[in-house]
Every structure is written in structure tokens, then in C-alpha cells.
Protein backbone atom coordinates (compact mmCIF):
# COMPACT_ATOMS: atom_id res chain seq x y z
CA MET A 1 4.34 -68.12 -52.89
CA ASP A 2 1.26 -68.69 -53.15
CA TYR A 3 -0.53 -66.76 -56.74
CA ALA A 4 -3.80 -67.35 -57.39
CA GLU A 5 -4.64 -71.01 -56.25
CA ARG A 6 -1.15 -71.72 -57.78
CA LYS A 7 2.39 -72.45 -56.27
CA VAL A 8 5.04 -70.60 -57.27
CA LEU A 9 8.95 -71.00 -57.01
CA CYS A 10 10.87 -67.96 -55.87
CA LEU A 11 14.51 -68.00 -55.21
CA ASP A 12 15.74 -65.54 -52.73
CA SER A 13 19.54 -64.81 -53.07
CA LYS A 14 21.14 -62.27 -50.04
CA ALA A 15 24.56 -61.48 -50.16
CA GLU A 16 26.28 -61.59 -46.52
CA LYS A 17 27.65 -58.41 -46.09
CA GLY A 18 27.69 -55.03 -47.73
CA ILE A 19 28.92 -54.89 -51.47
CA LEU A 20 30.08 -51.94 -53.52
CA LEU A 21 27.99 -51.67 -56.51
CA GLY A 22 29.75 -50.03 -59.83
CA CYS A 23 31.39 -47.21 -60.95
CA ASP A 24 29.73 -44.84 -59.26
CA GLN A 25 31.01 -46.18 -56.01
CA THR A 26 26.85 -46.88 -54.57
CA TYR A 27 27.11 -49.11 -51.83
CA THR A 28 24.57 -51.67 -50.23
CA ASP A 29 24.41 -52.99 -46.62
CA THR A 30 22.21 -56.44 -47.77
CA PRO A 31 21.56 -56.82 -51.95
CA GLU A 32 18.59 -59.19 -52.31
CA THR A 33 17.98 -60.47 -55.31
CA ILE A 34 14.18 -62.64 -56.14
CA PHE A 35 13.89 -64.91 -59.33
CA VAL A 36 10.61 -66.16 -59.90
CA LYS A 37 11.31 -69.23 -61.60
CA GLY A 38 7.66 -70.51 -62.49
CA TYR A 39 4.41 -71.79 -61.47
CA ILE A 40 5.50 -75.46 -59.97
CA ILE A 41 3.59 -78.45 -61.94
CA GLU A 42 5.46 -81.20 -60.12
CA TRP A 43 7.34 -80.88 -57.16
CA LYS A 44 10.28 -83.31 -56.02
CA ASN A 45 9.49 -86.17 -58.23
CA ARG A 46 11.91 -88.89 -59.05
CA ASN A 47 13.46 -88.98 -62.83
CA GLU A 48 14.01 -92.47 -64.26
CA LYS A 49 17.79 -91.93 -62.68
CA GLY A 50 15.90 -91.54 -59.12
CA ASP A 51 17.07 -87.87 -59.19
CA LEU A 52 14.65 -85.82 -57.71
CA VAL A 53 13.50 -83.08 -59.77
CA SER A 54 10.37 -80.38 -60.29
CA LYS A 55 8.77 -79.62 -63.19
CA LEU A 56 7.72 -75.53 -63.92
CA GLU A 57 5.93 -74.05 -66.11
CA PRO A 58 7.23 -69.70 -66.52
CA VAL A 59 5.16 -66.65 -65.69
CA LYS A 60 4.69 -65.50 -69.64
CA ASP A 61 1.20 -63.49 -69.05
CA ASP A 62 2.65 -60.27 -68.38
CA MET A 63 -0.53 -58.91 -65.97
CA GLU A 64 0.29 -62.03 -63.95
CA LYS A 65 4.11 -61.15 -63.71
CA GLU A 66 3.18 -57.63 -62.65
CA GLU A 67 0.90 -58.94 -59.53
CA ILE A 68 3.56 -61.26 -58.57
CA GLY A 69 6.04 -57.95 -58.40
CA ARG A 70 3.73 -56.44 -57.00
CA ILE A 71 3.70 -58.65 -53.88
CA LEU A 72 6.85 -59.70 -53.90
CA GLU A 73 7.91 -55.88 -53.66
CA ASN A 74 5.69 -55.57 -50.55
CA LYS A 75 7.01 -58.51 -49.09
CA PHE A 76 10.82 -57.47 -49.90
CA PRO A 77 10.92 -54.07 -50.69
CA ARG A 78 14.68 -53.35 -51.05
CA ALA A 79 15.15 -56.82 -53.55
CA ASN A 80 15.41 -57.05 -57.03
CA ILE A 81 13.21 -58.92 -58.98
CA PHE A 82 13.91 -61.42 -62.05
CA PHE A 83 11.13 -63.67 -63.79
């Protein structure tokens, strides 16, 4: 996603079918989790072994986390978001 003229790497994880959550028998149709990995510094560059690797910078600022979280919540209202 784009944020403050930077690219942020977010991983979206969804379960294919509904699952039972916890001992209170709570059920959800399609649990979804967004993992915010960080700002993209370098994307898919080859390392000395020839593997494709990306360099990320973690989102450390609490205000930036809050703003990014709000953007993601609007886009994915039922998702759990983790930094």
C-alpha cells in the first residue's frame, strides 16, 4: 500500500472456511489478518547467492502505525491488523 509517499508491505492472510475461535464457541465466516511488515526500501534485489530478497524498514512511529491501521481498517473492516 502507499502511505506518505512510501510503499508499505502488507501481507493479507485469510482462512478459506469459517473456523471456531476459542472456548466460548465463537465462530467467524472468513477470519482475515493483515500483517504490516514495514516500509519497502529495496524490492526483489538479488543477493550474493542469486536469491531475490527485499529490504524493509519496520514502522516504528506510533502515529504512523495508527494512521496505517486506520487506512487498513477502512479497507478491511473485519481484519485483525498486526505490526
